[in-house]
Each structure stands twice: as structure tokens, then as C-alpha cells.
Amino acid sequence: MNAPAPTSMPRALPAEHRQRLMGLAREVAFPEGARLFEEGSRADRFWIIRTGTVDLDMRVPGRRPAVIESLGHNELVGWSWLFPPHTWHLGAEAASPLRTFEFDARAVRELCQEDPEFGLSITRWVGEVVAHRLQSARTRLLDLYGPYGSGSRW
């Protein structure tokens, strides 16, 4: 079995904060091929994957959207909900049947305001996700469109 990604929720949040966050969760399911969100649309929720996979993609002018990264069990889907203007920076599609925990972004942001320690934990977790996704996007786009790829093979 693969080790959880460094940005997976169980490893990123202290138990107390994880429990508070999960108190706001509701279970939802998506069929394979369902779009969770589109790049540029309003980011008003986010998900933690229970089962299945999600492909994150980026629009590329004149081409099909490029898959940047695939996410799985316990990984965060969506970070744009935390930062103004609360619009998605990527798109997301269920690559397989998907079961998730869904969170209302406004409720989580309000809890972050009410409890600064909780807010700091959430912000650090999401910040780690953003850093990881930026690196993944860079590497993937270089592999797809750079003259020599990402150079990661050397």
C-alpha cells in the first residue's frame, strides 16, 4: 500500500482540529466522469476523498485540458475556497466512482475566524497542498509542452 501523500488530512491536522473539521462534513458521491468544479467558477466547497480518484486539470488554449495530478484516499480536493476571490484555479473530474466528505467553505472559514489556532492549522494544511499542487503542475506542464520535458529523468 502506498504511503499517504504529505498533504493528506490525517497527517496534516492535529487530532482535535481534524475532529472539528469532520464535524462539518457531509458524505456525497459522484459517478465516474462527473465534474466537481470548473476552472474560474465559484469555490464554495471542498472535499476529502474517501474512495475513488479525482483528476485535476488545467485549461490549455487550443488543446484538451491537461491532467495535472490524480488524487486519492484522504486527499484534499480544492484549496481555492480558502483564499479570495474564492474561484477555482483548476478543474476537477471524478476519474472513477467517488465517495467524499464535502465541506461548506463558508462554514469552515467562519470556524477558522472563531478559533485562530484551528484556522492556523487549516491554513498550514491548505498551504502545503497549494505548494505540492504548484510543483505538480509545473512538472506536468513541462513534461507535456517543454522541449526537453521536466528533466526529472536525469
N, C-alpha and C. Protein backbone atom coordinates (compact mmCIF):
# COMPACT_ATOMS: atom_id res chain seq x y z
N MET A 1 0.84 -1.18 0.00
CA MET A 1 0.00 0.00 0.00
C MET A 1 0.88 1.24 0.00
N ASN A 2 0.50 2.26 -0.76
CA ASN A 2 1.27 3.49 -0.83
C ASN A 2 1.10 4.28 0.45
N ALA A 3 2.15 5.00 0.83
CA ALA A 3 2.06 5.89 1.98
C ALA A 3 1.16 7.06 1.61
N PRO A 4 0.44 7.64 2.59
CA PRO A 4 -0.39 8.79 2.29
C PRO A 4 0.45 9.95 1.78
N ALA A 5 -0.13 10.75 0.93
CA ALA A 5 0.57 11.94 0.44
C ALA A 5 0.85 12.86 1.61
N PRO A 6 1.92 13.67 1.53
CA PRO A 6 2.23 14.56 2.65
C PRO A 6 1.12 15.57 2.90
N THR A 7 0.22 15.75 1.95
CA THR A 7 -0.87 16.71 2.10
C THR A 7 -2.18 16.05 2.50
N SER A 8 -2.16 14.76 2.84
CA SER A 8 -3.41 14.11 3.23
C SER A 8 -3.83 14.61 4.62
N MET A 9 -5.12 14.70 4.82
CA MET A 9 -5.65 15.29 6.03
C MET A 9 -5.20 14.59 7.31
N PRO A 10 -5.22 13.26 7.42
CA PRO A 10 -4.85 12.66 8.70
C PRO A 10 -3.45 13.03 9.18
N ARG A 11 -2.54 13.24 8.27
CA ARG A 11 -1.17 13.56 8.67
C ARG A 11 -0.97 15.06 8.86
N ALA A 12 -1.86 15.87 8.33
CA ALA A 12 -1.62 17.31 8.31
C ALA A 12 -2.25 18.06 9.48
N LEU A 13 -3.33 17.55 10.04
CA LEU A 13 -4.04 18.28 11.09
C LEU A 13 -3.94 17.56 12.43
N PRO A 14 -3.77 18.32 13.51
CA PRO A 14 -3.83 17.70 14.84
C PRO A 14 -5.20 17.04 15.04
N ALA A 15 -5.25 16.01 15.85
CA ALA A 15 -6.49 15.24 16.04
C ALA A 15 -7.68 16.12 16.43
N GLU A 16 -7.48 17.07 17.33
CA GLU A 16 -8.58 17.94 17.77
C GLU A 16 -9.14 18.75 16.60
N HIS A 17 -8.25 19.28 15.77
CA HIS A 17 -8.69 20.10 14.64
C HIS A 17 -9.33 19.24 13.56
N ARG A 18 -8.78 18.06 13.35
CA ARG A 18 -9.37 17.12 12.40
C ARG A 18 -10.80 16.78 12.82
N GLN A 19 -10.99 16.54 14.10
CA GLN A 19 -12.32 16.21 14.62
C GLN A 19 -13.29 17.38 14.43
N ARG A 20 -12.84 18.59 14.69
CA ARG A 20 -13.70 19.78 14.50
C ARG A 20 -14.09 19.94 13.03
N LEU A 21 -13.11 19.75 12.15
CA LEU A 21 -13.40 19.85 10.72
C LEU A 21 -14.39 18.79 10.29
N MET A 22 -14.18 17.56 10.73
CA MET A 22 -15.06 16.47 10.32
C MET A 22 -16.47 16.64 10.86
N GLY A 23 -16.64 17.44 11.91
CA GLY A 23 -17.98 17.75 12.41
C GLY A 23 -18.80 18.54 11.40
N LEU A 24 -18.15 19.14 10.43
CA LEU A 24 -18.85 19.92 9.39
C LEU A 24 -19.05 19.12 8.10
N ALA A 25 -18.59 17.88 8.07
CA ALA A 25 -18.61 17.08 6.83
C ALA A 25 -19.98 16.50 6.55
N ARG A 26 -20.26 16.33 5.27
CA ARG A 26 -21.40 15.53 4.84
C ARG A 26 -20.90 14.60 3.74
N GLU A 27 -21.44 13.40 3.70
CA GLU A 27 -21.00 12.41 2.72
C GLU A 27 -21.72 12.64 1.40
N VAL A 28 -20.94 12.63 0.31
CA VAL A 28 -21.51 12.75 -1.04
C VAL A 28 -20.80 11.78 -1.97
N ALA A 29 -21.47 11.45 -3.06
CA ALA A 29 -20.90 10.55 -4.07
C ALA A 29 -21.03 11.17 -5.44
N PHE A 30 -20.09 10.84 -6.31
CA PHE A 30 -20.09 11.30 -7.70
C PHE A 30 -19.84 10.11 -8.60
N PRO A 31 -20.53 10.03 -9.74
CA PRO A 31 -20.22 8.96 -10.70
C PRO A 31 -18.94 9.30 -11.47
N GLU A 32 -18.34 8.28 -12.04
CA GLU A 32 -17.17 8.49 -12.89
C GLU A 32 -17.53 9.49 -13.99
N GLY A 33 -16.63 10.43 -14.24
CA GLY A 33 -16.84 11.44 -15.27
C GLY A 33 -17.52 12.71 -14.80
N ALA A 34 -18.04 12.73 -13.58
CA ALA A 34 -18.70 13.93 -13.06
C ALA A 34 -17.66 15.03 -12.83
N ARG A 35 -18.03 16.25 -13.20
CA ARG A 35 -17.17 17.41 -12.94
C ARG A 35 -17.50 17.95 -11.56
N LEU A 36 -16.50 18.03 -10.69
CA LEU A 36 -16.72 18.60 -9.37
C LEU A 36 -16.72 20.12 -9.44
N PHE A 37 -15.83 20.66 -10.28
CA PHE A 37 -15.79 22.10 -10.49
C PHE A 37 -14.99 22.41 -11.74
N GLU A 38 -15.21 23.64 -12.22
CA GLU A 38 -14.53 24.14 -13.42
C GLU A 38 -13.62 25.30 -13.06
N GLU A 39 -12.48 25.34 -13.70
CA GLU A 39 -11.54 26.44 -13.52
C GLU A 39 -12.26 27.76 -13.75
N GLY A 40 -12.11 28.69 -12.80
CA GLY A 40 -12.72 30.01 -12.92
C GLY A 40 -14.09 30.13 -12.26
N SER A 41 -14.73 29.03 -11.88
CA SER A 41 -16.04 29.11 -11.24
C SER A 41 -15.88 29.34 -9.73
N ARG A 42 -16.99 29.62 -9.08
CA ARG A 42 -17.00 29.96 -7.66
C ARG A 42 -16.61 28.75 -6.79
N ALA A 43 -15.68 28.97 -5.89
CA ALA A 43 -15.20 27.92 -4.98
C ALA A 43 -15.92 28.06 -3.65
N ASP A 44 -17.02 27.31 -3.49
CA ASP A 44 -17.83 27.45 -2.29
C ASP A 44 -17.86 26.18 -1.43
N ARG A 45 -17.06 25.19 -1.81
CA ARG A 45 -16.98 23.93 -1.05
C ARG A 45 -15.66 23.25 -1.37
N PHE A 46 -15.37 22.20 -0.62
CA PHE A 46 -14.21 21.37 -0.90
C PHE A 46 -14.51 19.97 -0.41
N TRP A 47 -13.63 19.03 -0.74
CA TRP A 47 -13.87 17.62 -0.46
C TRP A 47 -12.61 16.95 0.06
N ILE A 48 -12.82 15.89 0.83
CA ILE A 48 -11.76 14.95 1.18
C ILE A 48 -12.22 13.60 0.64
N ILE A 49 -11.36 12.98 -0.14
CA ILE A 49 -11.73 11.73 -0.82
C ILE A 49 -11.76 10.57 0.18
N ARG A 50 -12.86 9.84 0.15
CA ARG A 50 -12.97 8.59 0.93
C ARG A 50 -12.53 7.42 0.06
N THR A 51 -13.16 7.28 -1.12
CA THR A 51 -12.78 6.24 -2.07
C THR A 51 -12.87 6.81 -3.48
N GLY A 52 -12.05 6.26 -4.37
CA GLY A 52 -12.03 6.70 -5.75
C GLY A 52 -10.90 7.67 -6.02
N THR A 53 -10.90 8.21 -7.24
CA THR A 53 -9.85 9.15 -7.64
C THR A 53 -10.46 10.35 -8.37
N VAL A 54 -9.75 11.46 -8.27
CA VAL A 54 -10.12 12.71 -8.92
C VAL A 54 -8.93 13.17 -9.74
N ASP A 55 -9.19 13.58 -10.99
CA ASP A 55 -8.15 14.19 -11.81
C ASP A 55 -8.31 15.70 -11.76
N LEU A 56 -7.21 16.39 -11.43
CA LEU A 56 -7.18 17.85 -11.50
C LEU A 56 -6.66 18.21 -12.88
N ASP A 57 -7.32 19.18 -13.51
CA ASP A 57 -6.90 19.56 -14.85
C ASP A 57 -6.83 21.07 -15.00
N MET A 58 -6.09 21.46 -16.04
CA MET A 58 -5.88 22.87 -16.33
C MET A 58 -6.18 23.12 -17.80
N ARG A 59 -6.93 24.19 -18.06
CA ARG A 59 -7.21 24.54 -19.45
C ARG A 59 -5.93 24.99 -20.14
N VAL A 60 -5.75 24.51 -21.34
CA VAL A 60 -4.60 24.89 -22.16
C VAL A 60 -5.17 25.36 -23.49
N PRO A 61 -4.94 26.63 -23.88
CA PRO A 61 -5.53 27.15 -25.11
C PRO A 61 -5.22 26.26 -26.32
N GLY A 62 -6.26 25.94 -27.08
CA GLY A 62 -6.11 25.16 -28.30
C GLY A 62 -5.92 23.67 -28.07
N ARG A 63 -6.02 23.21 -26.83
CA ARG A 63 -5.83 21.80 -26.52
C ARG A 63 -6.87 21.35 -25.50
N ARG A 64 -6.94 20.04 -25.32
CA ARG A 64 -7.79 19.50 -24.27
C ARG A 64 -7.19 19.89 -22.92
N PRO A 65 -8.01 19.97 -21.88
CA PRO A 65 -7.43 20.25 -20.56
C PRO A 65 -6.34 19.23 -20.21
N ALA A 66 -5.26 19.71 -19.64
CA ALA A 66 -4.15 18.85 -19.24
C ALA A 66 -4.38 18.36 -17.82
N VAL A 67 -4.32 17.04 -17.62
CA VAL A 67 -4.42 16.49 -16.27
C VAL A 67 -3.12 16.79 -15.55
N ILE A 68 -3.24 17.50 -14.44
CA ILE A 68 -2.09 17.93 -13.66
C ILE A 68 -1.70 16.91 -12.61
N GLU A 69 -2.73 16.33 -11.97
CA GLU A 69 -2.47 15.40 -10.88
C GLU A 69 -3.72 14.56 -10.63
N SER A 70 -3.52 13.35 -10.17
CA SER A 70 -4.63 12.49 -9.74
C SER A 70 -4.56 12.37 -8.22
N LEU A 71 -5.72 12.50 -7.59
CA LEU A 71 -5.81 12.46 -6.13
C LEU A 71 -6.58 11.23 -5.69
N GLY A 72 -6.26 10.72 -4.50
CA GLY A 72 -6.94 9.54 -3.98
C GLY A 72 -7.27 9.68 -2.51
N HIS A 73 -7.41 8.54 -1.86
CA HIS A 73 -7.87 8.42 -0.47
C HIS A 73 -7.24 9.44 0.47
N ASN A 74 -8.11 10.12 1.22
CA ASN A 74 -7.74 11.10 2.25
C ASN A 74 -7.14 12.39 1.73
N GLU A 75 -7.13 12.59 0.42
CA GLU A 75 -6.54 13.83 -0.11
C GLU A 75 -7.60 14.92 -0.26
N LEU A 76 -7.14 16.14 -0.12
CA LEU A 76 -7.98 17.33 -0.25
C LEU A 76 -8.22 17.63 -1.73
N VAL A 77 -9.47 17.83 -2.08
CA VAL A 77 -9.84 18.28 -3.43
C VAL A 77 -10.32 19.71 -3.28
N GLY A 78 -9.52 20.63 -3.77
CA GLY A 78 -9.89 22.04 -3.74
C GLY A 78 -9.21 22.80 -2.62
N TRP A 79 -8.57 23.90 -2.98
CA TRP A 79 -7.98 24.81 -2.00
C TRP A 79 -8.40 26.25 -2.24
N SER A 80 -8.96 26.53 -3.39
CA SER A 80 -9.30 27.91 -3.76
C SER A 80 -10.39 28.52 -2.88
N TRP A 81 -11.14 27.69 -2.17
CA TRP A 81 -12.20 28.15 -1.27
C TRP A 81 -11.66 28.99 -0.11
N LEU A 82 -10.38 28.83 0.22
CA LEU A 82 -9.82 29.49 1.40
C LEU A 82 -9.34 30.91 1.10
N PHE A 83 -8.98 31.19 -0.14
CA PHE A 83 -8.36 32.45 -0.47
C PHE A 83 -9.22 33.27 -1.44
N PRO A 84 -9.43 34.57 -1.12
CA PRO A 84 -10.17 35.41 -2.06
C PRO A 84 -9.46 35.42 -3.41
N PRO A 85 -10.15 35.48 -4.50
CA PRO A 85 -11.58 35.76 -4.65
C PRO A 85 -12.46 34.50 -4.62
N HIS A 86 -11.97 33.40 -4.11
CA HIS A 86 -12.73 32.15 -3.97
C HIS A 86 -13.24 31.64 -5.32
N THR A 87 -12.31 31.57 -6.28
CA THR A 87 -12.61 30.96 -7.58
C THR A 87 -11.58 29.86 -7.84
N TRP A 88 -12.03 28.80 -8.49
CA TRP A 88 -11.17 27.65 -8.73
C TRP A 88 -10.04 27.99 -9.69
N HIS A 89 -8.84 27.53 -9.35
CA HIS A 89 -7.67 27.73 -10.20
C HIS A 89 -7.46 26.57 -11.16
N LEU A 90 -8.08 25.43 -10.89
CA LEU A 90 -8.01 24.24 -11.73
C LEU A 90 -9.43 23.70 -11.89
N GLY A 91 -9.58 22.67 -12.70
CA GLY A 91 -10.84 21.93 -12.78
C GLY A 91 -10.64 20.57 -12.14
N ALA A 92 -11.74 19.88 -11.85
CA ALA A 92 -11.65 18.56 -11.23
C ALA A 92 -12.75 17.65 -11.76
N GLU A 93 -12.37 16.40 -12.04
CA GLU A 93 -13.30 15.41 -12.57
C GLU A 93 -13.09 14.07 -11.86
N ALA A 94 -14.19 13.40 -11.57
CA ALA A 94 -14.11 12.07 -10.96
C ALA A 94 -13.56 11.10 -12.01
N ALA A 95 -12.39 10.52 -11.75
CA ALA A 95 -11.77 9.58 -12.68
C ALA A 95 -12.30 8.17 -12.46
N SER A 96 -13.00 7.97 -11.36
CA SER A 96 -13.64 6.70 -11.02
C SER A 96 -14.83 7.05 -10.14
N PRO A 97 -15.70 6.09 -9.86
CA PRO A 97 -16.77 6.40 -8.89
C PRO A 97 -16.12 6.94 -7.61
N LEU A 98 -16.74 7.95 -7.05
CA LEU A 98 -16.09 8.72 -6.00
C LEU A 98 -17.02 8.87 -4.80
N ARG A 99 -16.48 8.63 -3.62
CA ARG A 99 -17.17 8.92 -2.36
C ARG A 99 -16.30 9.89 -1.60
N THR A 100 -16.92 10.95 -1.11
CA THR A 100 -16.16 12.01 -0.45
C THR A 100 -16.86 12.51 0.80
N PHE A 101 -16.11 13.25 1.58
CA PHE A 101 -16.67 14.13 2.60
C PHE A 101 -16.67 15.51 1.96
N GLU A 102 -17.80 16.18 2.00
CA GLU A 102 -17.92 17.52 1.42
C GLU A 102 -18.07 18.53 2.56
N PHE A 103 -17.45 19.70 2.36
CA PHE A 103 -17.46 20.75 3.36
C PHE A 103 -17.93 22.06 2.74
N ASP A 104 -18.77 22.77 3.46
CA ASP A 104 -19.20 24.10 3.06
C ASP A 104 -18.06 25.07 3.39
N ALA A 105 -17.54 25.74 2.39
CA ALA A 105 -16.37 26.60 2.58
C ALA A 105 -16.64 27.74 3.54
N ARG A 106 -17.81 28.34 3.43
CA ARG A 106 -18.12 29.48 4.31
C ARG A 106 -18.12 29.04 5.79
N ALA A 107 -18.70 27.88 6.08
CA ALA A 107 -18.74 27.39 7.47
C ALA A 107 -17.34 27.13 8.00
N VAL A 108 -16.47 26.58 7.16
CA VAL A 108 -15.09 26.31 7.61
C VAL A 108 -14.33 27.62 7.80
N ARG A 109 -14.51 28.57 6.89
CA ARG A 109 -13.84 29.87 7.06
C ARG A 109 -14.32 30.57 8.34
N GLU A 110 -15.61 30.46 8.65
CA GLU A 110 -16.13 31.06 9.88
C GLU A 110 -15.51 30.41 11.11
N LEU A 111 -15.37 29.09 11.09
CA LEU A 111 -14.74 28.39 12.20
C LEU A 111 -13.27 28.81 12.34
N CYS A 112 -12.61 29.02 11.22
CA CYS A 112 -11.22 29.50 11.25
C CYS A 112 -11.13 30.88 11.91
N GLN A 113 -12.11 31.74 11.64
CA GLN A 113 -12.14 33.07 12.25
C GLN A 113 -12.41 32.99 13.75
N GLU A 114 -13.30 32.09 14.15
CA GLU A 114 -13.68 31.95 15.56
C GLU A 114 -12.56 31.35 16.40
N ASP A 115 -11.77 30.46 15.80
CA ASP A 115 -10.73 29.74 16.52
C ASP A 115 -9.41 29.89 15.76
N PRO A 116 -8.61 30.90 16.11
CA PRO A 116 -7.36 31.16 15.37
C PRO A 116 -6.40 29.98 15.31
N GLU A 117 -6.35 29.17 16.36
CA GLU A 117 -5.46 28.01 16.34
C GLU A 117 -5.94 27.00 15.29
N PHE A 118 -7.23 26.76 15.24
CA PHE A 118 -7.82 25.90 14.20
C PHE A 118 -7.54 26.51 12.82
N GLY A 119 -7.76 27.81 12.70
CA GLY A 119 -7.53 28.50 11.43
C GLY A 119 -6.10 28.37 10.95
N LEU A 120 -5.14 28.47 11.87
CA LEU A 120 -3.74 28.32 11.51
C LEU A 120 -3.46 26.91 11.02
N SER A 121 -4.03 25.91 11.69
CA SER A 121 -3.83 24.51 11.25
C SER A 121 -4.39 24.30 9.85
N ILE A 122 -5.58 24.81 9.61
CA ILE A 122 -6.21 24.66 8.29
C ILE A 122 -5.37 25.38 7.24
N THR A 123 -4.95 26.60 7.55
CA THR A 123 -4.17 27.38 6.58
C THR A 123 -2.84 26.69 6.26
N ARG A 124 -2.18 26.15 7.26
CA ARG A 124 -0.92 25.42 7.01
C ARG A 124 -1.16 24.20 6.14
N TRP A 125 -2.20 23.44 6.46
CA TRP A 125 -2.54 22.25 5.67
C TRP A 125 -2.80 22.63 4.22
N VAL A 126 -3.68 23.61 4.02
CA VAL A 126 -4.01 24.02 2.66
C VAL A 126 -2.78 24.61 1.97
N GLY A 127 -1.95 25.34 2.69
CA GLY A 127 -0.72 25.87 2.11
C GLY A 127 0.21 24.77 1.61
N GLU A 128 0.32 23.69 2.37
CA GLU A 128 1.12 22.54 1.91
C GLU A 128 0.53 21.95 0.63
N VAL A 129 -0.78 21.88 0.58
CA VAL A 129 -1.46 21.36 -0.62
C VAL A 129 -1.15 22.26 -1.81
N VAL A 130 -1.27 23.57 -1.63
CA VAL A 130 -1.01 24.52 -2.72
C VAL A 130 0.43 24.36 -3.22
N ALA A 131 1.39 24.30 -2.32
CA ALA A 131 2.79 24.15 -2.73
C ALA A 131 3.00 22.86 -3.52
N HIS A 132 2.42 21.78 -3.04
CA HIS A 132 2.54 20.50 -3.74
C HIS A 132 1.89 20.56 -5.12
N ARG A 133 0.70 21.16 -5.22
CA ARG A 133 -0.01 21.23 -6.49
C ARG A 133 0.71 22.12 -7.49
N LEU A 134 1.31 23.20 -7.03
CA LEU A 134 2.07 24.07 -7.93
C LEU A 134 3.27 23.32 -8.52
N GLN A 135 3.96 22.56 -7.68
CA GLN A 135 5.09 21.78 -8.18
C GLN A 135 4.62 20.71 -9.15
N SER A 136 3.52 20.04 -8.84
CA SER A 136 2.96 19.03 -9.75
C SER A 136 2.58 19.65 -11.08
N ALA A 137 1.93 20.82 -11.03
CA ALA A 137 1.52 21.49 -12.27
C ALA A 137 2.73 21.86 -13.11
N ARG A 138 3.74 22.40 -12.47
CA ARG A 138 4.96 22.78 -13.19
C ARG A 138 5.58 21.57 -13.88
N THR A 139 5.76 20.49 -13.12
CA THR A 139 6.38 19.29 -13.67
C THR A 139 5.55 18.71 -14.81
N ARG A 140 4.24 18.62 -14.61
CA ARG A 140 3.37 18.04 -15.63
C ARG A 140 3.36 18.89 -16.90
N LEU A 141 3.26 20.19 -16.77
CA LEU A 141 3.25 21.05 -17.95
C LEU A 141 4.58 21.01 -18.69
N LEU A 142 5.70 20.93 -17.97
CA LEU A 142 6.99 20.78 -18.63
C LEU A 142 7.07 19.45 -19.37
N ASP A 143 6.54 18.39 -18.75
CA ASP A 143 6.53 17.08 -19.42
C ASP A 143 5.70 17.13 -20.69
N LEU A 144 4.57 17.81 -20.64
CA LEU A 144 3.66 17.85 -21.80
C LEU A 144 4.14 18.80 -22.90
N TYR A 145 4.66 19.96 -22.51
CA TYR A 145 4.86 21.01 -23.50
C TYR A 145 6.29 21.54 -23.59
N GLY A 146 7.16 21.20 -22.66
CA GLY A 146 8.54 21.69 -22.71
C GLY A 146 9.35 20.94 -23.74
N PRO A 147 10.35 21.59 -24.33
CA PRO A 147 11.15 20.92 -25.36
C PRO A 147 11.91 19.71 -24.85
N TYR A 148 12.26 19.69 -23.58
CA TYR A 148 13.01 18.57 -23.02
C TYR A 148 12.29 17.95 -21.82
N GLY A 149 11.00 18.22 -21.68
CA GLY A 149 10.26 17.70 -20.54
C GLY A 149 10.71 18.39 -19.26
N SER A 150 10.39 17.78 -18.14
CA SER A 150 10.71 18.40 -16.85
C SER A 150 12.16 18.19 -16.46
N GLY A 151 12.83 17.28 -17.15
CA GLY A 151 14.20 17.00 -16.78
C GLY A 151 14.28 16.08 -15.58
N SER A 152 13.14 15.58 -15.11
CA SER A 152 13.14 14.76 -13.89
C SER A 152 13.76 13.39 -14.12
N ARG A 153 13.98 13.00 -15.36
CA ARG A 153 14.56 11.69 -15.64
C ARG A 153 16.09 11.70 -15.48
N TRP A 154 16.69 12.89 -15.41
CA TRP A 154 18.15 12.98 -15.39
C TRP A 154 18.67 12.94 -14.01
